[in-house]
Every structure is written in structure tokens, then in C-alpha cells.
Amino acid sequence: MEGPWSFEVFWRWLVGHPNCILRAGTPEVAVYDDEDLHWHFAEDPQEGMYLVQVLRGKRPVAEIWVTPEQVSYVQGTTGENEEEFVFELISETERERFAAYVFVLSHGFAPHDDATRLRIH
């Protein structure tokens, strides 16, 4: 996979692909997709935070708050099998580098994908 990408470019693309997410998480927690769940995205411009929610109907099941300032860049790697594409949101300082957030999708990244079009996958 190619990359790296900026957080802003990746986020705009990710919001257009909620039905493609297989799992998402942080080093401490992972949230898995299921048939009766759906993914929802929101932004809190006042706090500068981005929200990823997993909902069952209208009830939240899990939330992941993403802090864009922690993300230096996004890199893509192959998943455990050929049907998984892993996107790591990398936090990098002079002393350490780690995946602060991870999104696993059913397909790769297409940076020129028009997120305003209706998604069928």
C-alpha cells in the first residue's frame, strides 16, 4: 500500500466508507463490526476532537475519540488476510513512534475517491 497520508485526507475518505470498517481501535481497545451495528462519525470543532461511534439502532455501543494533534501521519499495511487493509494513525515524537489508532477496512485507500457519492459497499 502506498502512503503516508495526512490525517485530514484519510479522515475525509474514511467518513465516506462506514460500511467498509471491519474493526477500529487504540492500543488499549478494539471495536469489531457486526451485522446489526453501524458506524457513525462526528467532529467537535470546539474541542478539536473526532468521534467514531458504533451504534446498535440509536444506542451507542462503543466510542473512540480521535485527537488529530496526536496523529503525525496515516500509513497503510496489509492485514492478516488478503481481504483486510490496515490503516495505522501514527503518533511520532523524537523518542517514540506508535499506532495511536487503527482502522481495518475491507478495501484499500483511494485518495481521489469522491466521498460525496453514494456508497454501495
PDB file of N, CA and C in Angstrom:
ATOM      1  N   MET A   1       0.837  -1.182   0.000  1.00  0.00           N
ATOM      2  CA  MET A   1       0.000   0.000   0.000  1.00  0.00           C
ATOM      3  C   MET A   1       0.875   1.236   0.000  1.00  0.00           C
ATOM      4  N   GLU A   2       0.352   2.246  -0.598  1.00  0.00           N
ATOM      5  CA  GLU A   2       1.105   3.497  -0.620  1.00  0.00           C
ATOM      6  C   GLU A   2       0.754   4.349   0.585  1.00  0.00           C
ATOM      7  N   GLY A   3       1.406   5.412   0.731  1.00  0.00           N
ATOM      8  CA  GLY A   3       1.205   6.335   1.839  1.00  0.00           C
ATOM      9  C   GLY A   3       2.547   6.978   2.113  1.00  0.00           C
ATOM     10  N   PRO A   4       2.718   7.702   3.111  1.00  0.00           N
ATOM     11  CA  PRO A   4       1.729   8.056   4.126  1.00  0.00           C
ATOM     12  C   PRO A   4       0.778   9.157   3.658  1.00  0.00           C
ATOM     13  N   TRP A   5      -0.315   9.294   4.421  1.00  0.00           N
ATOM     14  CA  TRP A   5      -1.316  10.316   4.139  1.00  0.00           C
ATOM     15  C   TRP A   5      -1.485  11.188   5.367  1.00  0.00           C
ATOM     16  N   SER A   6      -1.986  12.377   5.152  1.00  0.00           N
ATOM     17  CA  SER A   6      -2.283  13.249   6.288  1.00  0.00           C
ATOM     18  C   SER A   6      -3.565  12.758   6.959  1.00  0.00           C
ATOM     19  N   PHE A   7      -3.737  13.115   8.212  1.00  0.00           N
ATOM     20  CA  PHE A   7      -4.954  12.740   8.928  1.00  0.00           C
ATOM     21  C   PHE A   7      -6.183  13.294   8.229  1.00  0.00           C
ATOM     22  N   GLU A   8      -6.127  14.547   7.791  1.00  0.00           N
ATOM     23  CA  GLU A   8      -7.287  15.195   7.174  1.00  0.00           C
ATOM     24  C   GLU A   8      -7.736  14.469   5.909  1.00  0.00           C
ATOM     25  N   VAL A   9      -6.786  14.085   5.073  1.00  0.00           N
ATOM     26  CA  VAL A   9      -7.117  13.372   3.834  1.00  0.00           C
ATOM     27  C   VAL A   9      -7.731  12.016   4.167  1.00  0.00           C
ATOM     28  N   PHE A  10      -7.112  11.294   5.091  1.00  0.00           N
ATOM     29  CA  PHE A  10      -7.627   9.976   5.461  1.00  0.00           C
ATOM     30  C   PHE A  10      -9.011  10.077   6.100  1.00  0.00           C
ATOM     31  N   TRP A  11      -9.211  11.035   7.004  1.00  0.00           N
ATOM     32  CA  TRP A  11     -10.496  11.172   7.700  1.00  0.00           C
ATOM     33  C   TRP A  11     -11.628  11.453   6.713  1.00  0.00           C
ATOM     34  N   ARG A  12     -11.398  12.390   5.783  1.00  0.00           N
ATOM     35  CA  ARG A  12     -12.434  12.696   4.782  1.00  0.00           C
ATOM     36  C   ARG A  12     -12.807  11.443   3.992  1.00  0.00           C
ATOM     37  N   TRP A  13     -11.819  10.637   3.653  1.00  0.00           N
ATOM     38  CA  TRP A  13     -12.074   9.405   2.915  1.00  0.00           C
ATOM     39  C   TRP A  13     -12.789   8.380   3.796  1.00  0.00           C
ATOM     40  N   LEU A  14     -12.329   8.216   5.040  1.00  0.00           N
ATOM     41  CA  LEU A  14     -12.905   7.230   5.951  1.00  0.00           C
ATOM     42  C   LEU A  14     -14.384   7.483   6.209  1.00  0.00           C
ATOM     43  N   VAL A  15     -14.780   8.730   6.378  1.00  0.00           N
ATOM     44  CA  VAL A  15     -16.173   9.087   6.647  1.00  0.00           C
ATOM     45  C   VAL A  15     -17.088   8.605   5.521  1.00  0.00           C
ATOM     46  N   GLY A  16     -16.582   8.505   4.329  1.00  0.00           N
ATOM     47  CA  GLY A  16     -17.366   8.010   3.198  1.00  0.00           C
ATOM     48  C   GLY A  16     -17.425   6.495   3.095  1.00  0.00           C
ATOM     49  N   HIS A  17     -16.786   5.785   4.038  1.00  0.00           N
ATOM     50  CA  HIS A  17     -16.713   4.323   3.965  1.00  0.00           C
ATOM     51  C   HIS A  17     -17.100   3.639   5.272  1.00  0.00           C
ATOM     52  N   PRO A  18     -18.169   4.063   5.933  1.00  0.00           N
ATOM     53  CA  PRO A  18     -18.510   3.446   7.225  1.00  0.00           C
ATOM     54  C   PRO A  18     -18.874   1.969   7.122  1.00  0.00           C
ATOM     55  N   ASN A  19     -19.448   1.553   6.014  1.00  0.00           N
ATOM     56  CA  ASN A  19     -19.848   0.150   5.871  1.00  0.00           C
ATOM     57  C   ASN A  19     -18.684  -0.764   5.516  1.00  0.00           C
ATOM     58  N   CYS A  20     -17.517  -0.194   5.354  1.00  0.00           N
ATOM     59  CA  CYS A  20     -16.336  -0.976   4.972  1.00  0.00           C
ATOM     60  C   CYS A  20     -15.436  -1.270   6.167  1.00  0.00           C
ATOM     61  N   ILE A  21     -15.744  -0.689   7.318  1.00  0.00           N
ATOM     62  CA  ILE A  21     -14.910  -0.869   8.504  1.00  0.00           C
ATOM     63  C   ILE A  21     -15.180  -2.249   9.107  1.00  0.00           C
ATOM     64  N   LEU A  22     -14.102  -3.006   9.309  1.00  0.00           N
ATOM     65  CA  LEU A  22     -14.195  -4.314   9.950  1.00  0.00           C
ATOM     66  C   LEU A  22     -13.930  -4.223  11.445  1.00  0.00           C
ATOM     67  N   ARG A  23     -13.013  -3.326  11.815  1.00  0.00           N
ATOM     68  CA  ARG A  23     -12.732  -3.065  13.225  1.00  0.00           C
ATOM     69  C   ARG A  23     -11.935  -1.768  13.337  1.00  0.00           C
ATOM     70  N   ALA A  24     -11.935  -1.217  14.534  1.00  0.00           N
ATOM     71  CA  ALA A  24     -11.189   0.011  14.799  1.00  0.00           C
ATOM     72  C   ALA A  24     -10.779  -0.004  16.263  1.00  0.00           C
ATOM     73  N   GLY A  25      -9.745   0.754  16.585  1.00  0.00           N
ATOM     74  CA  GLY A  25      -9.350   0.774  17.978  1.00  0.00           C
ATOM     75  C   GLY A  25      -8.120   1.597  18.261  1.00  0.00           C
ATOM     76  N   THR A  26      -7.649   1.405  19.484  1.00  0.00           N
ATOM     77  CA  THR A  26      -6.451   2.044  20.012  1.00  0.00           C
ATOM     78  C   THR A  26      -5.573   0.917  20.559  1.00  0.00           C
ATOM     79  N   PRO A  27      -4.396   1.241  21.098  1.00  0.00           N
ATOM     80  CA  PRO A  27      -3.600   0.169  21.710  1.00  0.00           C
ATOM     81  C   PRO A  27      -4.320  -0.519  22.886  1.00  0.00           C
ATOM     82  N   GLU A  28      -5.288   0.160  23.476  1.00  0.00           N
ATOM     83  CA  GLU A  28      -5.981  -0.395  24.646  1.00  0.00           C
ATOM     84  C   GLU A  28      -7.281  -1.134  24.326  1.00  0.00           C
ATOM     85  N   VAL A  29      -7.921  -0.816  23.194  1.00  0.00           N
ATOM     86  CA  VAL A  29      -9.254  -1.363  22.932  1.00  0.00           C
ATOM     87  C   VAL A  29      -9.463  -1.562  21.426  1.00  0.00           C
ATOM     88  N   ALA A  30     -10.259  -2.583  21.103  1.00  0.00           N
ATOM     89  CA  ALA A  30     -10.647  -2.814  19.701  1.00  0.00           C
ATOM     90  C   ALA A  30     -12.162  -2.985  19.655  1.00  0.00           C
ATOM     91  N   VAL A  31     -12.783  -2.399  18.636  1.00  0.00           N
ATOM     92  CA  VAL A  31     -14.222  -2.496  18.419  1.00  0.00           C
ATOM     93  C   VAL A  31     -14.426  -3.199  17.089  1.00  0.00           C
ATOM     94  N   TYR A  32     -15.210  -4.272  17.109  1.00  0.00           N
ATOM     95  CA  TYR A  32     -15.432  -5.079  15.912  1.00  0.00           C
ATOM     96  C   TYR A  32     -16.804  -4.789  15.321  1.00  0.00           C
ATOM     97  N   ASP A  33     -16.874  -4.835  14.010  1.00  0.00           N
ATOM     98  CA  ASP A  33     -18.127  -4.634  13.295  1.00  0.00           C
ATOM     99  C   ASP A  33     -18.990  -5.884  13.415  1.00  0.00           C
ATOM    100  N   ASP A  34     -20.291  -5.698  13.251  1.00  0.00           N
ATOM    101  CA  ASP A  34     -21.246  -6.800  13.264  1.00  0.00           C
ATOM    102  C   ASP A  34     -22.425  -6.390  12.393  1.00  0.00           C
ATOM    103  N   GLU A  35     -23.208  -7.354  11.955  1.00  0.00           N
ATOM    104  CA  GLU A  35     -24.321  -7.059  11.045  1.00  0.00           C
ATOM    105  C   GLU A  35     -25.336  -6.077  11.616  1.00  0.00           C
ATOM    106  N   ASP A  36     -25.585  -6.125  12.917  1.00  0.00           N
ATOM    107  CA  ASP A  36     -26.607  -5.239  13.485  1.00  0.00           C
ATOM    108  C   ASP A  36     -26.017  -3.942  14.058  1.00  0.00           C
ATOM    109  N   LEU A  37     -24.770  -3.646  13.725  1.00  0.00           N
ATOM    110  CA  LEU A  37     -24.122  -2.409  14.167  1.00  0.00           C
ATOM    111  C   LEU A  37     -23.850  -1.515  12.972  1.00  0.00           C
ATOM    112  N   HIS A  38     -23.759  -0.220  13.231  1.00  0.00           N
ATOM    113  CA  HIS A  38     -23.319   0.696  12.185  1.00  0.00           C
ATOM    114  C   HIS A  38     -22.395   1.744  12.787  1.00  0.00           C
ATOM    115  N   TRP A  39     -21.528   2.281  11.933  1.00  0.00           N
ATOM    116  CA  TRP A  39     -20.507   3.238  12.345  1.00  0.00           C
ATOM    117  C   TRP A  39     -21.000   4.649  12.055  1.00  0.00           C
ATOM    118  N   HIS A  40     -20.706   5.545  12.982  1.00  0.00           N
ATOM    119  CA  HIS A  40     -21.111   6.941  12.856  1.00  0.00           C
ATOM    120  C   HIS A  40     -19.899   7.813  13.180  1.00  0.00           C
ATOM    121  N   PHE A  41     -19.760   8.915  12.429  1.00  0.00           N
ATOM    122  CA  PHE A  41     -18.644   9.838  12.625  1.00  0.00           C
ATOM    123  C   PHE A  41     -19.173  11.229  12.967  1.00  0.00           C
ATOM    124  N   ALA A  42     -18.441  11.930  13.819  1.00  0.00           N
ATOM    125  CA  ALA A  42     -18.792  13.307  14.164  1.00  0.00           C
ATOM    126  C   ALA A  42     -17.510  14.061  14.498  1.00  0.00           C
ATOM    127  N   GLU A  43     -17.617  15.374  14.460  1.00  0.00           N
ATOM    128  CA  GLU A  43     -16.490  16.231  14.811  1.00  0.00           C
ATOM    129  C   GLU A  43     -16.942  17.238  15.846  1.00  0.00           C
ATOM    130  N   ASP A  44     -16.071  17.527  16.804  1.00  0.00           N
ATOM    131  CA  ASP A  44     -16.325  18.564  17.786  1.00  0.00           C
ATOM    132  C   ASP A  44     -15.289  19.658  17.544  1.00  0.00           C
ATOM    133  N   PRO A  45     -15.636  20.635  16.672  1.00  0.00           N
ATOM    134  CA  PRO A  45     -14.645  21.660  16.308  1.00  0.00           C
ATOM    135  C   PRO A  45     -14.170  22.484  17.496  1.00  0.00           C
ATOM    136  N   GLN A  46     -15.027  22.631  18.494  1.00  0.00           N
ATOM    137  CA  GLN A  46     -14.650  23.416  19.671  1.00  0.00           C
ATOM    138  C   GLN A  46     -13.532  22.728  20.456  1.00  0.00           C
ATOM    139  N   GLU A  47     -13.619  21.414  20.577  1.00  0.00           N
ATOM    140  CA  GLU A  47     -12.612  20.646  21.310  1.00  0.00           C
ATOM    141  C   GLU A  47     -11.507  20.122  20.407  1.00  0.00           C
ATOM    142  N   GLY A  48     -11.725  20.177  19.078  1.00  0.00           N
ATOM    143  CA  GLY A  48     -10.741  19.654  18.151  1.00  0.00           C
ATOM    144  C   GLY A  48     -10.648  18.140  18.164  1.00  0.00           C
ATOM    145  N   MET A  49     -11.757  17.476  18.487  1.00  0.00           N
ATOM    146  CA  MET A  49     -11.792  16.018  18.586  1.00  0.00           C
ATOM    147  C   MET A  49     -12.697  15.440  17.501  1.00  0.00           C
ATOM    148  N   TYR A  50     -12.410  14.214  17.133  1.00  0.00           N
ATOM    149  CA  TYR A  50     -13.207  13.489  16.150  1.00  0.00           C
ATOM    150  C   TYR A  50     -13.754  12.233  16.826  1.00  0.00           C
ATOM    151  N   LEU A  51     -15.019  11.950  16.583  1.00  0.00           N
ATOM    152  CA  LEU A  51     -15.693  10.845  17.246  1.00  0.00           C
ATOM    153  C   LEU A  51     -16.019   9.741  16.253  1.00  0.00           C
ATOM    154  N   VAL A  52     -15.711   8.514  16.646  1.00  0.00           N
ATOM    155  CA  VAL A  52     -16.107   7.327  15.903  1.00  0.00           C
ATOM    156  C   VAL A  52     -16.997   6.537  16.844  1.00  0.00           C
ATOM    157  N   GLN A  53     -18.251   6.349  16.467  1.00  0.00           N
ATOM    158  CA  GLN A  53     -19.189   5.609  17.302  1.00  0.00           C
ATOM    159  C   GLN A  53     -19.646   4.353  16.582  1.00  0.00           C
ATOM    160  N   VAL A  54     -19.912   3.329  17.365  1.00  0.00           N
ATOM    161  CA  VAL A  54     -20.564   2.134  16.870  1.00  0.00           C
ATOM    162  C   VAL A  54     -21.925   2.104  17.538  1.00  0.00           C
ATOM    163  N   LEU A  55     -22.969   2.037  16.714  1.00  0.00           N
ATOM    164  CA  LEU A  55     -24.340   2.101  17.215  1.00  0.00           C
ATOM    165  C   LEU A  55     -25.098   0.827  16.897  1.00  0.00           C
ATOM    166  N   ARG A  56     -25.975   0.444  17.809  1.00  0.00           N
ATOM    167  CA  ARG A  56     -26.958  -0.605  17.554  1.00  0.00           C
ATOM    168  C   ARG A  56     -28.295   0.134  17.578  1.00  0.00           C
ATOM    169  N   GLY A  57     -28.875   0.304  16.405  1.00  0.00           N
ATOM    170  CA  GLY A  57     -30.068   1.152  16.309  1.00  0.00           C
ATOM    171  C   GLY A  57     -29.648   2.578  16.584  1.00  0.00           C
ATOM    172  N   LYS A  58     -30.223   3.158  17.634  1.00  0.00           N
ATOM    173  CA  LYS A  58     -29.837   4.518  18.030  1.00  0.00           C
ATOM    174  C   LYS A  58     -29.002   4.518  19.303  1.00  0.00           C
ATOM    175  N   ARG A  59     -28.694   3.333  19.816  1.00  0.00           N
ATOM    176  CA  ARG A  59     -27.962   3.209  21.071  1.00  0.00           C
ATOM    177  C   ARG A  59     -26.463   3.039  20.846  1.00  0.00           C
ATOM    178  N   PRO A  60     -25.646   3.904  21.443  1.00  0.00           N
ATOM    179  CA  PRO A  60     -24.191   3.742  21.327  1.00  0.00           C
ATOM    180  C   PRO A  60     -23.721   2.461  22.014  1.00  0.00           C
ATOM    181  N   VAL A  61     -22.859   1.728  21.325  1.00  0.00           N
ATOM    182  CA  VAL A  61     -22.257   0.517  21.868  1.00  0.00           C
ATOM    183  C   VAL A  61     -20.816   0.816  22.292  1.00  0.00           C
ATOM    184  N   ALA A  62     -20.121   1.626  21.474  1.00  0.00           N
ATOM    185  CA  ALA A  62     -18.735   1.981  21.765  1.00  0.00           C
ATOM    186  C   ALA A  62     -18.399   3.309  21.101  1.00  0.00           C
ATOM    187  N   GLU A  63     -17.419   4.006  21.680  1.00  0.00           N
ATOM    188  CA  GLU A  63     -16.945   5.276  21.120  1.00  0.00           C
ATOM    189  C   GLU A  63     -15.425   5.308  21.169  1.00  0.00           C
ATOM    190  N   ILE A  64     -14.865   5.894  20.137  1.00  0.00           N
ATOM    191  CA  ILE A  64     -13.427   6.160  20.100  1.00  0.00           C
ATOM    192  C   ILE A  64     -13.272   7.641  19.770  1.00  0.00           C
ATOM    193  N   TRP A  65     -12.623   8.371  20.663  1.00  0.00           N
ATOM    194  CA  TRP A  65     -12.334   9.784  20.418  1.00  0.00           C
ATOM    195  C   TRP A  65     -10.935   9.894  19.827  1.00  0.00           C
ATOM    196  N   VAL A  66     -10.838  10.517  18.669  1.00  0.00           N
ATOM    197  CA  VAL A  66      -9.563  10.682  17.972  1.00  0.00           C
ATOM    198  C   VAL A  66      -9.105  12.126  18.137  1.00  0.00           C
ATOM    199  N   THR A  67      -7.874  12.287  18.566  1.00  0.00           N
ATOM    200  CA  THR A  67      -7.268  13.608  18.702  1.00  0.00           C
ATOM    201  C   THR A  67      -6.308  13.806  17.532  1.00  0.00           C
ATOM    202  N   PRO A  68      -6.693  14.611  16.536  1.00  0.00           N
ATOM    203  CA  PRO A  68      -5.858  14.771  15.339  1.00  0.00           C
ATOM    204  C   PRO A  68      -4.445  15.264  15.626  1.00  0.00           C
ATOM    205  N   GLU A  69      -4.271  16.066  16.681  1.00  0.00           N
ATOM    206  CA  GLU A  69      -2.938  16.580  17.004  1.00  0.00           C
ATOM    207  C   GLU A  69      -1.980  15.466  17.371  1.00  0.00           C
ATOM    208  N   GLN A  70      -2.504  14.315  17.793  1.00  0.00           N
ATOM    209  CA  GLN A  70      -1.651  13.175  18.134  1.00  0.00           C
ATOM    210  C   GLN A  70      -1.193  12.414  16.893  1.00  0.00           C
ATOM    211  N   VAL A  71      -1.836  12.645  15.759  1.00  0.00           N
ATOM    212  CA  VAL A  71      -1.565  11.866  14.558  1.00  0.00           C
ATOM    213  C   VAL A  71      -0.569  12.606  13.664  1.00  0.00           C
ATOM    214  N   SER A  72       0.608  12.014  13.504  1.00  0.00           N
ATOM    215  CA  SER A  72       1.622  12.595  12.632  1.00  0.00           C
ATOM    216  C   SER A  72       1.320  12.299  11.171  1.00  0.00           C
ATOM    217  N   TYR A  73       0.857  11.071  10.903  1.00  0.00           N
ATOM    218  CA  TYR A  73       0.500  10.652   9.549  1.00  0.00           C
ATOM    219  C   TYR A  73      -0.252   9.327   9.630  1.00  0.00           C
ATOM    220  N   VAL A  74      -0.799   8.901   8.500  1.00  0.00           N
ATOM    221  CA  VAL A  74      -1.520   7.632   8.406  1.00  0.00           C
ATOM    222  C   VAL A  74      -0.772   6.755   7.420  1.00  0.00           C
ATOM    223  N   GLN A  75      -0.557   5.505   7.821  1.00  0.00           N
ATOM    224  CA  GLN A  75       0.106   4.564   6.914  1.00  0.00           C
ATOM    225  C   GLN A  75      -0.782   3.342   6.725  1.00  0.00           C
ATOM    226  N   GLY A  76      -0.691   2.756   5.546  1.00  0.00           N
ATOM    227  CA  GLY A  76      -1.469   1.572   5.235  1.00  0.00           C
ATOM    228  C   GLY A  76      -0.585   0.343   5.137  1.00  0.00           C
ATOM    229  N   THR A  77      -1.080  -0.764   5.644  1.00  0.00           N
ATOM    230  CA  THR A  77      -0.377  -2.039   5.549  1.00  0.00           C
ATOM    231  C   THR A  77      -1.383  -3.118   5.190  1.00  0.00           C
ATOM    232  N   THR A  78      -0.873  -4.264   4.802  1.00  0.00           N
ATOM    233  CA  THR A  78      -1.774  -5.375   4.520  1.00  0.00           C
ATOM    234  C   THR A  78      -2.219  -5.991   5.830  1.00  0.00           C
ATOM    235  N   GLY A  79      -3.407  -6.564   5.806  1.00  0.00           N
ATOM    236  CA  GLY A  79      -3.969  -7.148   7.013  1.00  0.00           C
ATOM    237  C   GLY A  79      -3.579  -8.601   7.200  1.00  0.00           C
ATOM    238  N   GLU A  80      -4.258  -9.259   8.129  1.00  0.00           N
ATOM    239  CA  GLU A  80      -3.987 -10.662   8.431  1.00  0.00           C
ATOM    240  C   GLU A  80      -4.332 -11.566   7.257  1.00  0.00           C
ATOM    241  N   ASN A  81      -5.261 -11.124   6.416  1.00  0.00           N
ATOM    242  CA  ASN A  81      -5.588 -11.871   5.204  1.00  0.00           C
ATOM    243  C   ASN A  81      -5.757 -10.873   4.065  1.00  0.00           C
ATOM    244  N   GLU A  82      -5.935 -11.379   2.865  1.00  0.00           N
ATOM    245  CA  GLU A  82      -5.979 -10.502   1.685  1.00  0.00           C
ATOM    246  C   GLU A  82      -7.226  -9.631   1.614  1.00  0.00           C
ATOM    247  N   GLU A  83      -8.192  -9.863   2.476  1.00  0.00           N
ATOM    248  CA  GLU A  83      -9.424  -9.068   2.482  1.00  0.00           C
ATOM    249  C   GLU A  83      -9.411  -7.974   3.543  1.00  0.00           C
ATOM    250  N   GLU A  84      -8.273  -7.771   4.210  1.00  0.00           N
ATOM    251  CA  GLU A  84      -8.156  -6.745   5.239  1.00  0.00           C
ATOM    252  C   GLU A  84      -7.078  -5.733   4.864  1.00  0.00           C
ATOM    253  N   PHE A  85      -7.417  -4.478   5.061  1.00  0.00           N
ATOM    254  CA  PHE A  85      -6.485  -3.392   4.808  1.00  0.00           C
ATOM    255  C   PHE A  85      -6.393  -2.571   6.098  1.00  0.00           C
ATOM    256  N   VAL A  86      -5.203  -2.484   6.665  1.00  0.00           N
ATOM    257  CA  VAL A  86      -4.983  -1.862   7.968  1.00  0.00           C
ATOM    258  C   VAL A  86      -4.451  -0.450   7.772  1.00  0.00           C
ATOM    259  N   PHE A  87      -5.074   0.486   8.462  1.00  0.00           N
ATOM    260  CA  PHE A  87      -4.646   1.881   8.425  1.00  0.00           C
ATOM    261  C   PHE A  87      -4.277   2.294   9.840  1.00  0.00           C
ATOM    262  N   GLU A  88      -2.993   2.591  10.021  1.00  0.00           N
ATOM    263  CA  GLU A  88      -2.498   2.987  11.330  1.00  0.00           C
ATOM    264  C   GLU A  88      -2.317   4.492  11.364  1.00  0.00           C
ATOM    265  N   LEU A  89      -2.898   5.125  12.368  1.00  0.00           N
ATOM    266  CA  LEU A  89      -2.739   6.559  12.585  1.00  0.00           C
ATOM    267  C   LEU A  89      -1.565   6.708  13.542  1.00  0.00           C
ATOM    268  N   ILE A  90      -0.428   7.090  13.001  1.00  0.00           N
ATOM    269  CA  ILE A  90       0.844   7.057  13.715  1.00  0.00           C
ATOM    270  C   ILE A  90       1.077   8.344  14.502  1.00  0.00           C
ATOM    271  N   SER A  91       1.441   8.157  15.763  1.00  0.00           N
ATOM    272  CA  SER A  91       1.869   9.255  16.622  1.00  0.00           C
ATOM    273  C   SER A  91       3.388   9.138  16.736  1.00  0.00           C
ATOM    274  N   GLU A  92       4.063  10.219  16.409  1.00  0.00           N
ATOM    275  CA  GLU A  92       5.522  10.161  16.367  1.00  0.00           C
ATOM    276  C   GLU A  92       6.126  11.355  17.100  1.00  0.00           C
ATOM    277  N   THR A  93       7.058  11.054  17.992  1.00  0.00           N
ATOM    278  CA  THR A  93       7.832  12.081  18.682  1.00  0.00           C
ATOM    279  C   THR A  93       9.304  11.760  18.461  1.00  0.00           C
ATOM    280  N   GLU A  94      10.181  12.547  19.054  1.00  0.00           N
ATOM    281  CA  GLU A  94      11.609  12.270  18.935  1.00  0.00           C
ATOM    282  C   GLU A  94      11.981  10.947  19.586  1.00  0.00           C
ATOM    283  N   ARG A  95      11.219  10.518  20.593  1.00  0.00           N
ATOM    284  CA  ARG A  95      11.568   9.326  21.358  1.00  0.00           C
ATOM    285  C   ARG A  95      10.788   8.075  20.991  1.00  0.00           C
ATOM    286  N   GLU A  96       9.584   8.243  20.461  1.00  0.00           N
ATOM    287  CA  GLU A  96       8.784   7.055  20.170  1.00  0.00           C
ATOM    288  C   GLU A  96       7.889   7.241  18.952  1.00  0.00           C
ATOM    289  N   ARG A  97       7.471   6.103  18.433  1.00  0.00           N
ATOM    290  CA  ARG A  97       6.572   6.055  17.285  1.00  0.00           C
ATOM    291  C   ARG A  97       5.639   4.880  17.520  1.00  0.00           C
ATOM    292  N   PHE A  98       4.321   5.127  17.485  1.00  0.00           N
ATOM    293  CA  PHE A  98       3.372   4.039  17.692  1.00  0.00           C
ATOM    294  C   PHE A  98       2.054   4.350  16.993  1.00  0.00           C
ATOM    295  N   ALA A  99       1.281   3.305  16.776  1.00  0.00           N
ATOM    296  CA  ALA A  99      -0.041   3.461  16.170  1.00  0.00           C
ATOM    297  C   ALA A  99      -1.019   3.858  17.272  1.00  0.00           C
ATOM    298  N   ALA A 100      -1.413   5.130  17.286  1.00  0.00           N
ATOM    299  CA  ALA A 100      -2.336   5.626  18.300  1.00  0.00           C
ATOM    300  C   ALA A 100      -3.762   5.127  18.049  1.00  0.00           C
ATOM    301  N   TYR A 101      -4.107   4.944  16.776  1.00  0.00           N
ATOM    302  CA  TYR A 101      -5.425   4.452  16.368  1.00  0.00           C
ATOM    303  C   TYR A 101      -5.230   3.535  15.174  1.00  0.00           C
ATOM    304  N   VAL A 102      -6.121   2.557  15.036  1.00  0.00           N
ATOM    305  CA  VAL A 102      -6.058   1.625  13.916  1.00  0.00           C
ATOM    306  C   VAL A 102      -7.460   1.435  13.360  1.00  0.00           C
ATOM    307  N   PHE A 103      -7.567   1.478  12.024  1.00  0.00           N
ATOM    308  CA  PHE A 103      -8.817   1.168  11.330  1.00  0.00           C
ATOM    309  C   PHE A 103      -8.525   0.055  10.342  1.00  0.00           C
ATOM    310  N   VAL A 104      -9.323  -0.996  10.377  1.00  0.00           N
ATOM    311  CA  VAL A 104      -9.181  -2.098   9.432  1.00  0.00           C
ATOM    312  C   VAL A 104     -10.412  -2.087   8.538  1.00  0.00           C
ATOM    313  N   LEU A 105     -10.179  -1.987   7.232  1.00  0.00           N
ATOM    314  CA  LEU A 105     -11.270  -1.905   6.265  1.00  0.00           C
ATOM    315  C   LEU A 105     -11.224  -3.084   5.308  1.00  0.00           C
ATOM    316  N   SER A 106     -12.307  -3.253   4.585  1.00  0.00           N
ATOM    317  CA  SER A 106     -12.429  -4.358   3.641  1.00  0.00           C
ATOM    318  C   SER A 106     -11.810  -4.040   2.277  1.00  0.00           C
ATOM    319  N   HIS A 107     -11.278  -2.842   2.108  1.00  0.00           N
ATOM    320  CA  HIS A 107     -10.620  -2.462   0.857  1.00  0.00           C
ATOM    321  C   HIS A 107      -9.577  -1.395   1.128  1.00  0.00           C
ATOM    322  N   GLY A 108      -8.735  -1.164   0.134  1.00  0.00           N
ATOM    323  CA  GLY A 108      -7.655  -0.205   0.260  1.00  0.00           C
ATOM    324  C   GLY A 108      -8.097   1.238   0.110  1.00  0.00           C
ATOM    325  N   PHE A 109      -7.140   2.115   0.292  1.00  0.00           N
ATOM    326  CA  PHE A 109      -7.356   3.557   0.264  1.00  0.00           C
ATOM    327  C   PHE A 109      -7.294   4.079  -1.165  1.00  0.00           C
ATOM    328  N   ALA A 110      -8.256   4.909  -1.522  1.00  0.00           N
ATOM    329  CA  ALA A 110      -8.278   5.578  -2.822  1.00  0.00           C
ATOM    330  C   ALA A 110      -8.374   7.075  -2.551  1.00  0.00           C
ATOM    331  N   PRO A 111      -7.240   7.778  -2.518  1.00  0.00           N
ATOM    332  CA  PRO A 111      -7.243   9.178  -2.096  1.00  0.00           C
ATOM    333  C   PRO A 111      -8.087  10.107  -2.953  1.00  0.00           C
ATOM    334  N   HIS A 112      -8.354   9.733  -4.189  1.00  0.00           N
ATOM    335  CA  HIS A 112      -9.149  10.602  -5.057  1.00  0.00           C
ATOM    336  C   HIS A 112     -10.600  10.173  -5.111  1.00  0.00           C
ATOM    337  N   ASP A 113     -10.963   9.248  -4.242  1.00  0.00           N
ATOM    338  CA  ASP A 113     -12.339   8.766  -4.163  1.00  0.00           C
ATOM    339  C   ASP A 113     -13.240   9.922  -3.747  1.00  0.00           C
ATOM    340  N   ASP A 114     -14.326  10.111  -4.407  1.00  0.00           N
ATOM    341  CA  ASP A 114     -15.269  11.187  -4.110  1.00  0.00           C
ATOM    342  C   ASP A 114     -16.188  10.738  -2.984  1.00  0.00           C
ATOM    343  N   ALA A 115     -15.931  11.219  -1.768  1.00  0.00           N
ATOM    344  CA  ALA A 115     -16.697  10.812  -0.589  1.00  0.00           C
ATOM    345  C   ALA A 115     -18.136  11.305  -0.625  1.00  0.00           C
ATOM    346  N   THR A 116     -18.485  12.158  -1.558  1.00  0.00           N
ATOM    347  CA  THR A 116     -19.848  12.660  -1.609  1.00  0.00           C
ATOM    348  C   THR A 116     -20.771  11.719  -2.371  1.00  0.00           C
ATOM    349  N   ARG A 117     -20.195  10.764  -3.110  1.00  0.00           N
ATOM    350  CA  ARG A 117     -21.022   9.820  -3.847  1.00  0.00           C
ATOM    351  C   ARG A 117     -21.617   8.786  -2.905  1.00  0.00           C
ATOM    352  N   LEU A 118     -22.738   8.220  -3.297  1.00  0.00           N
ATOM    353  CA  LEU A 118     -23.391   7.165  -2.534  1.00  0.00           C
ATOM    354  C   LEU A 118     -22.513   5.933  -2.514  1.00  0.00           C
ATOM    355  N   ARG A 119     -22.345   5.348  -1.345  1.00  0.00           N
ATOM    356  CA  ARG A 119     -21.555   4.137  -1.188  1.00  0.00           C
ATOM    357  C   ARG A 119     -22.472   2.925  -1.214  1.00  0.00           C
ATOM    358  N   ILE A 120     -22.059   1.914  -1.948  1.00  0.00           N
ATOM    359  CA  ILE A 120     -22.852   0.703  -2.015  1.00  0.00           C
ATOM    360  C   ILE A 120     -22.093  -0.458  -1.382  1.00  0.00           C
ATOM    361  N   HIS A 121     -20.836  -0.321  -1.052  1.00  0.00           N
ATOM    362  CA  HIS A 121     -20.083  -1.434  -0.473  1.00  0.00           C
ATOM    363  C   HIS A 121     -20.038  -1.397   1.022  1.00  0.00           C
TER     364      HIS A 121
END
